[in-house]
Amino acid sequence: MDPRRIVFIAGQLVLGGAEQQLYHLLAGLDRSRFEPVVITLGTSQHEYWEEPIQHLKIPLCRVPRNTGRLERTFRIAAQLRRMRPHIVHSWVFHTNAYAAVAGSMAHTSLRVGSMRESYTGLPNDRFLRWIGFRGLDALVTNASQTAIGLERLGLTRTKVKVVPNGATIPDPVSAIQRKDLKKELGFEESDLVVGTIGRLDSNKNHQMLMRSFAKLATDWPMLRLLIIGDGPLKNDLQSMAERMGVSSKVKLAGRIPGAARFLSAMEICCLTSHTEGMPNLVMEAGAAGVPVIATRCGDVADLVDDSVSGFLVDIDDDTRMKDHINFMLSNPDSRMQMGQMGRKKIRDEYSLGAMISRMTTLYDELFREKLHA
């Protein structure tokens, strides 16, 4: 049988978790069974993931967002008619309508959408929220809590399927490698690094982590806070650190490509988000053997076994987060054991191979259902 052609519609190909997952899927697809193509709506050329995707010898087409929605729909439909795919898969929620409408105009057999965030994390545009659930054969989410929420709210009659994210399982790092990673970031070997990676916006709630850190900074002179990422709240976070008197112990490192490698420089990784689907940060920290303290949001509870591979706290409970950080710092053997339990969980349940297998199995199932409908 000839390979099935799949056209993925990406909102952009910048450095981000959703885009990283798309790249991993593209890299792992069995080319004897699937022939992938990517349409990106990114407004600028040479976005972060474009070159890696092209190195996979996967065709990449651009329909930039600087045109109106209607024109974009017609242009995508024209591309689909030319490519004649078996499947069109919108990779993020705000491109679902293009898969549904343009896919229908091009008579694409299978039209699949995505939802990689919780309902509360969707864009505020009411029309976009409404149309993003319609005209699809299936809606894929990476988080079971999102699927449960959609069912509870009765937002769509479309089949909702769960395919969790996958993470690369890196080789364990040596003490020398960890020392070098800390040095690269400007830390001393003896520094105790609590860190996070993510966009500096209101949803990621880095202020919670800053408050927790500030409560411990005096008791732990070698404690340092590392925040990797960029965004609109960078100056606010810098000002907050100065007001709390901890700016000399806080490093706002900015955006770093391949930032996950610096997880091994951390003693503890923290996630403080209000909403998430299945956060890559928690998966990557677990895969690196770094214990996690995270807010209860999205499917974090599926990734972190509370008091086993890390700790879960309520959103904005910086006191409880502070207590857990203090416990881990005071008990290095327990901290190491938690990290190893997290690594085992991610390796056993959330590897890249598992994600790719689940997604391709879903495509096969949807095709069978379509043929017998």
Protein backbone atom coordinates (compact mmCIF):
# COMPACT_ATOMS: atom_id res chain seq x y z
CA MET A 1 0.00 0.00 0.00
CA ASP A 2 1.25 3.48 -0.85
CA PRO A 3 2.02 5.69 2.15
CA ARG A 4 -0.77 7.92 3.42
CA ARG A 5 -0.07 11.59 2.89
CA ILE A 6 -0.66 13.75 5.98
CA VAL A 7 -0.71 17.54 5.86
CA PHE A 8 -0.06 19.15 9.24
CA ILE A 9 -1.25 22.73 9.70
CA ALA A 10 0.92 24.59 12.22
CA GLY A 11 0.12 28.05 13.51
CA GLN A 12 3.83 28.80 13.66
CA LEU A 13 7.15 26.99 13.98
CA VAL A 14 8.79 29.04 16.71
CA LEU A 15 10.58 27.59 19.74
CA GLY A 16 7.69 26.15 21.74
CA GLY A 17 6.35 22.97 23.27
CA ALA A 18 3.64 22.25 20.68
CA GLU A 19 6.06 22.85 17.83
CA GLN A 20 8.65 20.59 19.46
CA GLN A 21 6.11 17.77 19.72
CA LEU A 22 5.24 18.19 16.04
CA TYR A 23 8.91 17.92 15.11
CA HIS A 24 9.31 14.75 17.19
CA LEU A 25 6.29 13.17 15.50
CA LEU A 26 7.55 14.12 12.03
CA ALA A 27 11.00 12.71 12.82
CA GLY A 28 9.54 9.43 14.05
CA LEU A 29 6.90 8.72 11.41
CA ASP A 30 7.45 5.53 9.42
CA ARG A 31 7.95 6.93 5.90
CA SER A 32 6.93 3.64 4.36
CA ARG A 33 3.46 4.23 5.85
CA PHE A 34 3.14 8.02 6.07
CA GLU A 35 4.17 10.89 3.81
CA PRO A 36 4.12 14.12 5.87
CA VAL A 37 3.83 17.70 4.60
CA VAL A 38 3.69 20.85 6.78
CA ILE A 39 1.75 24.05 6.13
CA THR A 40 2.80 26.85 8.49
CA LEU A 41 0.92 30.07 9.13
CA GLY A 42 4.02 31.71 10.59
CA THR A 43 4.46 35.32 9.54
CA SER A 44 8.26 35.25 9.23
CA GLN A 45 10.64 32.93 7.46
CA HIS A 46 13.34 30.93 9.24
CA GLU A 47 11.35 30.24 12.38
CA TYR A 48 13.12 27.92 14.81
CA TRP A 49 11.74 24.55 13.68
CA GLU A 50 11.68 25.23 9.93
CA GLU A 51 15.25 24.16 9.21
CA PRO A 52 15.10 20.98 11.34
CA ILE A 53 11.88 19.96 9.56
CA GLN A 54 13.41 20.61 6.16
CA HIS A 55 16.43 18.52 7.16
CA LEU A 56 13.97 15.63 7.53
CA LYS A 57 13.22 16.14 3.80
CA ILE A 58 9.64 17.09 4.59
CA PRO A 59 8.01 19.66 2.28
CA LEU A 60 7.13 22.92 4.01
CA CYS A 61 4.61 25.46 2.66
CA ARG A 62 3.80 28.89 4.05
CA VAL A 63 0.38 30.56 4.19
CA PRO A 64 1.19 33.54 6.43
CA ARG A 65 -1.24 34.96 8.96
CA ASN A 66 -0.88 38.48 7.57
CA THR A 67 -3.75 37.70 5.20
CA GLY A 68 -7.40 37.57 6.31
CA ARG A 69 -9.01 34.36 7.56
CA LEU A 70 -11.10 33.89 4.44
CA GLU A 71 -8.14 34.30 2.09
CA ARG A 72 -6.05 31.94 4.21
CA THR A 73 -8.81 29.34 4.07
CA PHE A 74 -8.97 29.47 0.28
CA ARG A 75 -5.18 29.36 -0.03
CA ILE A 76 -4.94 26.35 2.28
CA ALA A 77 -7.76 24.63 0.37
CA ALA A 78 -5.85 25.22 -2.88
CA GLN A 79 -2.72 23.67 -1.35
CA LEU A 80 -4.72 20.67 -0.14
CA ARG A 81 -6.30 20.16 -3.56
CA ARG A 82 -2.82 20.17 -5.07
CA MET A 83 -1.35 17.80 -2.47
CA ARG A 84 -4.38 15.48 -2.26
CA PRO A 85 -3.66 14.25 1.29
CA HIS A 86 -5.46 11.40 2.98
CA ILE A 87 -5.35 13.28 6.30
CA VAL A 88 -5.19 16.94 7.27
CA HIS A 89 -4.22 17.45 10.92
CA SER A 90 -4.41 20.86 12.55
CA TRP A 91 -1.69 20.85 15.21
CA VAL A 92 -3.03 23.65 17.45
CA PHE A 93 -6.53 24.79 18.32
CA HIS A 94 -6.56 28.08 16.43
CA THR A 95 -5.86 26.29 13.11
CA ASN A 96 -8.64 23.72 13.57
CA ALA A 97 -11.07 25.69 11.40
CA TYR A 98 -8.64 25.55 8.48
CA ALA A 99 -8.41 21.77 8.72
CA ALA A 100 -12.20 21.53 8.90
CA VAL A 101 -13.24 24.07 6.27
CA ALA A 102 -10.31 23.94 3.83
CA GLY A 103 -10.14 20.16 4.28
CA SER A 104 -13.82 19.87 3.35
CA MET A 105 -13.38 22.18 0.35
CA ALA A 106 -10.51 19.97 -0.85
CA HIS A 107 -12.47 16.73 -0.16
CA THR A 108 -9.79 15.47 2.25
CA SER A 109 -10.90 12.10 3.63
CA LEU A 110 -9.93 12.62 7.27
CA ARG A 111 -9.91 15.97 9.08
CA VAL A 112 -8.29 16.02 12.52
CA GLY A 113 -8.01 18.92 14.96
CA SER A 114 -6.01 19.49 18.14
CA MET A 115 -6.40 21.01 21.56
CA ARG A 116 -3.12 21.22 23.43
CA GLU A 117 -4.33 23.40 26.29
CA SER A 118 -7.20 23.48 28.77
CA TYR A 119 -10.45 25.19 27.79
CA THR A 120 -9.60 28.15 30.04
CA GLY A 121 -6.33 28.52 28.18
CA LEU A 122 -7.97 28.98 24.78
CA PRO A 123 -7.92 32.31 22.93
CA ASN A 124 -10.60 34.80 24.07
CA ASP A 125 -11.99 35.14 20.54
CA ARG A 126 -15.53 33.70 20.87
CA PHE A 127 -15.84 32.88 17.18
CA LEU A 128 -12.52 31.04 17.25
CA ARG A 129 -13.63 29.07 20.31
CA TRP A 130 -16.90 28.15 18.63
CA ILE A 131 -15.61 27.16 15.20
CA GLY A 132 -12.54 25.31 16.52
CA PHE A 133 -14.70 22.36 17.60
CA ARG A 134 -16.68 21.90 14.38
CA GLY A 135 -16.33 20.12 11.04
CA LEU A 136 -13.71 17.64 12.27
CA ASP A 137 -13.65 13.85 12.30
CA ALA A 138 -11.68 13.85 15.55
CA LEU A 139 -10.14 16.23 18.04
CA VAL A 140 -6.81 15.14 19.57
CA THR A 141 -5.82 16.43 22.99
CA ASN A 142 -2.62 15.66 24.86
CA ALA A 143 -4.31 15.76 28.28
CA SER A 144 -7.01 13.51 29.72
CA GLN A 145 -8.24 16.36 31.95
CA THR A 146 -8.90 18.44 28.84
CA ALA A 147 -10.91 15.58 27.33
CA ILE A 148 -12.91 15.23 30.56
CA GLY A 149 -13.57 18.98 30.61
CA LEU A 150 -14.81 19.01 27.02
CA GLU A 151 -17.21 16.18 27.75
CA ARG A 152 -18.45 17.83 30.94
CA LEU A 153 -19.06 21.16 29.21
CA GLY A 154 -20.65 19.51 26.15
CA LEU A 155 -18.63 21.71 23.80
CA THR A 156 -18.38 19.35 20.86
CA ARG A 157 -19.90 16.24 19.32
CA THR A 158 -16.60 15.47 17.62
CA LYS A 159 -14.76 12.37 18.87
CA VAL A 160 -12.15 13.48 21.42
CA LYS A 161 -9.03 11.31 21.53
CA VAL A 162 -6.15 11.55 24.01
CA VAL A 163 -2.56 11.19 22.82
CA PRO A 164 -0.12 12.27 25.56
CA ASN A 165 3.07 14.12 24.72
CA GLY A 166 6.37 12.26 24.55
CA ALA A 167 9.80 13.12 25.90
CA THR A 168 13.34 12.31 24.88
CA ILE A 169 15.07 10.20 27.53
CA PRO A 170 18.61 11.64 27.80
CA ASP A 171 21.60 9.77 29.10
CA PRO A 172 22.30 10.43 32.80
CA VAL A 173 24.79 13.24 33.34
CA SER A 174 27.93 12.87 35.42
CA ALA A 175 28.95 15.15 38.28
CA ILE A 176 31.50 16.76 35.98
CA GLN A 177 28.87 17.41 33.29
CA ARG A 178 26.53 18.91 35.89
CA LYS A 179 29.33 21.17 37.09
CA ASP A 180 29.99 22.30 33.49
CA LEU A 181 26.29 23.04 32.92
CA LYS A 182 26.18 25.18 36.05
CA LYS A 183 29.33 26.99 35.00
CA GLU A 184 27.85 27.67 31.54
CA LEU A 185 24.92 29.36 33.27
CA GLY A 186 27.20 31.39 35.54
CA PHE A 187 26.70 29.33 38.71
CA GLU A 188 29.21 27.76 41.07
CA GLU A 189 29.37 23.99 41.54
CA SER A 190 28.20 24.42 45.14
CA ASP A 191 25.15 26.50 44.20
CA LEU A 192 21.77 24.88 44.79
CA VAL A 193 19.70 25.69 41.72
CA VAL A 194 15.92 25.76 41.73
CA GLY A 195 14.66 26.44 38.24
CA THR A 196 12.01 26.48 35.58
CA ILE A 197 11.68 26.91 31.83
CA GLY A 198 8.78 28.69 30.15
CA ARG A 199 7.39 31.81 28.57
CA LEU A 200 7.33 34.76 30.96
CA ASP A 201 3.61 35.43 30.91
CA SER A 202 0.77 35.58 33.42
CA ASN A 203 -0.31 31.96 32.92
CA LYS A 204 3.12 30.56 33.83
CA ASN A 205 2.83 32.44 37.15
CA HIS A 206 6.55 32.78 37.86
CA GLN A 207 5.69 35.24 40.63
CA MET A 208 4.62 32.26 42.75
CA LEU A 209 8.05 30.69 42.36
CA MET A 210 9.76 34.01 43.14
CA ARG A 211 7.81 34.33 46.40
CA SER A 212 8.67 30.75 47.42
CA PHE A 213 12.32 31.32 46.61
CA ALA A 214 12.55 34.60 48.52
CA LYS A 215 11.26 32.91 51.69
CA LEU A 216 14.19 30.46 51.56
CA ALA A 217 17.03 32.64 50.30
CA THR A 218 18.26 33.68 53.77
CA ASP A 219 18.22 30.16 55.24
CA TRP A 220 20.02 28.73 52.21
CA PRO A 221 22.87 31.13 51.25
CA MET A 222 23.88 29.01 48.22
CA LEU A 223 20.32 28.81 46.84
CA ARG A 224 19.86 30.26 43.35
CA LEU A 225 16.79 30.73 41.15
CA LEU A 226 17.06 30.07 37.41
CA ILE A 227 14.26 31.09 35.04
CA ILE A 228 14.84 30.28 31.36
CA GLY A 229 12.49 31.92 28.90
CA ASP A 230 11.37 35.26 27.55
CA GLY A 231 8.11 37.13 27.44
CA PRO A 232 6.21 40.27 28.40
CA LEU A 233 6.73 39.91 32.17
CA LYS A 234 10.53 39.75 32.19
CA ASN A 235 10.97 43.31 33.49
CA ASP A 236 8.24 42.79 36.10
CA LEU A 237 9.99 39.68 37.41
CA GLN A 238 13.33 41.52 37.56
CA SER A 239 11.69 44.35 39.51
CA MET A 240 10.03 41.83 41.85
CA ALA A 241 13.39 40.20 42.60
CA GLU A 242 14.87 43.61 43.39
CA ARG A 243 11.99 44.54 45.73
CA MET A 244 12.43 41.23 47.59
CA GLY A 245 16.17 41.73 47.90
CA VAL A 246 17.09 38.55 45.98
CA SER A 247 18.07 39.94 42.57
CA SER A 248 21.71 38.86 43.05
CA LYS A 249 20.51 35.27 43.47
CA VAL A 250 18.05 35.24 40.55
CA LYS A 251 19.09 34.61 36.96
CA LEU A 252 16.60 35.46 34.21
CA ALA A 253 18.47 33.69 31.44
CA GLY A 254 16.18 34.62 28.54
CA ARG A 255 15.29 32.29 25.71
CA ILE A 256 17.80 29.46 25.18
CA PRO A 257 17.35 26.98 22.29
CA GLY A 258 17.60 23.42 23.54
CA ALA A 259 17.05 24.66 27.09
CA ALA A 260 16.05 21.21 28.36
CA ARG A 261 19.72 20.24 28.61
CA PHE A 262 20.07 22.71 31.49
CA LEU A 263 17.52 20.83 33.57
CA SER A 264 20.40 18.67 34.80
CA ALA A 265 21.97 21.79 36.32
CA MET A 266 18.94 22.09 38.63
CA GLU A 267 18.49 20.41 41.98
CA ILE A 268 14.73 20.97 41.69
CA CYS A 269 12.45 21.92 38.79
CA CYS A 270 9.25 23.87 39.49
CA LEU A 271 6.11 24.48 37.43
CA THR A 272 3.75 27.17 38.72
CA SER A 273 1.22 27.49 35.88
CA HIS A 274 -2.46 28.31 36.23
CA THR A 275 -3.39 26.12 33.25
CA GLU A 276 -1.59 23.49 31.19
CA GLY A 277 -2.41 20.53 28.98
CA MET A 278 0.46 18.07 29.40
CA PRO A 279 3.50 20.28 30.05
CA ASN A 280 6.72 19.36 28.28
CA LEU A 281 8.72 20.90 31.13
CA VAL A 282 7.48 18.35 33.67
CA MET A 283 8.08 15.47 31.25
CA GLU A 284 11.58 16.65 30.36
CA ALA A 285 12.54 17.23 33.98
CA GLY A 286 11.34 13.75 34.87
CA ALA A 287 13.24 12.26 31.93
CA ALA A 288 16.39 14.03 33.15
CA GLY A 289 15.96 12.61 36.66
CA VAL A 290 15.19 15.99 38.22
CA PRO A 291 12.46 16.01 40.89
CA VAL A 292 9.50 18.29 40.21
CA ILE A 293 7.28 20.49 42.35
CA ALA A 294 4.27 21.55 40.30
CA THR A 295 0.85 23.11 40.59
CA ARG A 296 -2.17 20.87 40.09
CA CYS A 297 -3.14 21.82 36.54
CA GLY A 298 -3.89 19.85 33.41
CA ASP A 299 -2.42 16.36 33.45
CA VAL A 300 0.46 17.19 35.79
CA ALA A 301 -0.89 14.69 38.33
CA ASP A 302 -0.45 11.94 35.72
CA LEU A 303 3.21 12.87 35.33
CA VAL A 304 4.17 13.49 38.95
CA ASP A 305 3.35 10.91 41.62
CA ASP A 306 2.85 13.12 44.65
CA SER A 307 5.47 12.46 47.36
CA VAL A 308 7.06 9.78 45.13
CA SER A 309 8.63 11.53 42.13
CA GLY A 310 7.93 15.06 43.34
CA PHE A 311 5.24 17.14 44.96
CA LEU A 312 1.96 18.71 43.83
CA VAL A 313 0.66 21.99 45.26
CA ASP A 314 -2.40 24.15 44.73
CA ILE A 315 -2.13 27.11 42.38
CA ASP A 316 -0.58 30.14 44.14
CA ASP A 317 0.21 28.15 47.31
CA ASP A 318 3.76 29.49 47.48
CA THR A 319 4.04 28.57 51.18
CA ARG A 320 3.49 24.89 50.44
CA MET A 321 5.89 25.09 47.51
CA LYS A 322 8.47 26.69 49.80
CA ASP A 323 8.05 23.87 52.30
CA HIS A 324 8.58 21.22 49.62
CA ILE A 325 11.66 22.98 48.24
CA ASN A 326 13.04 23.16 51.78
CA PHE A 327 12.40 19.44 52.32
CA MET A 328 14.20 18.49 49.09
CA LEU A 329 17.17 20.71 49.88
CA SER A 330 17.39 19.24 53.39
CA ASN A 331 17.14 15.64 52.17
CA PRO A 332 19.44 15.15 49.17
CA ASP A 333 19.05 11.35 49.20
CA SER A 334 15.25 11.63 49.03
CA ARG A 335 15.59 14.28 46.33
CA MET A 336 17.75 11.99 44.23
CA GLN A 337 15.41 9.05 44.72
CA MET A 338 12.42 11.17 43.66
CA GLY A 339 14.30 12.19 40.53
CA GLN A 340 15.01 8.58 39.63
CA MET A 341 11.38 7.60 40.16
CA GLY A 342 10.32 10.41 37.85
CA ARG A 343 12.80 9.28 35.19
CA LYS A 344 11.46 5.73 35.36
CA LYS A 345 7.87 6.91 34.99
CA ILE A 346 8.59 9.04 31.92
CA ARG A 347 10.75 6.33 30.34
CA ASP A 348 8.12 3.64 30.91
CA GLU A 349 4.99 5.60 30.02
CA TYR A 350 5.78 8.80 28.08
CA SER A 351 8.68 8.18 25.71
CA LEU A 352 8.73 9.65 22.22
CA GLY A 353 8.25 6.16 20.82
CA ALA A 354 5.06 5.76 22.85
CA MET A 355 3.70 9.11 21.61
CA ILE A 356 4.45 8.30 17.95
CA SER A 357 2.93 4.82 18.25
CA ARG A 358 -0.22 6.21 19.88
CA MET A 359 -0.65 8.86 17.20
CA THR A 360 -0.14 6.55 14.23
CA THR A 361 -2.44 3.95 15.80
CA LEU A 362 -5.07 6.67 16.13
CA TYR A 363 -4.74 7.57 12.44
CA ASP A 364 -5.28 3.91 11.54
CA GLU A 365 -8.31 3.63 13.83
CA LEU A 366 -9.89 6.81 12.43
CA PHE A 367 -9.42 5.53 8.89
CA ARG A 368 -11.07 2.24 9.72
CA GLU A 369 -14.00 4.04 11.33
CA LYS A 370 -14.32 6.34 8.31
CA LEU A 371 -14.32 3.44 5.86
CA HIS A 372 -17.02 1.58 7.80
CA ALA A 373 -19.19 4.63 8.52
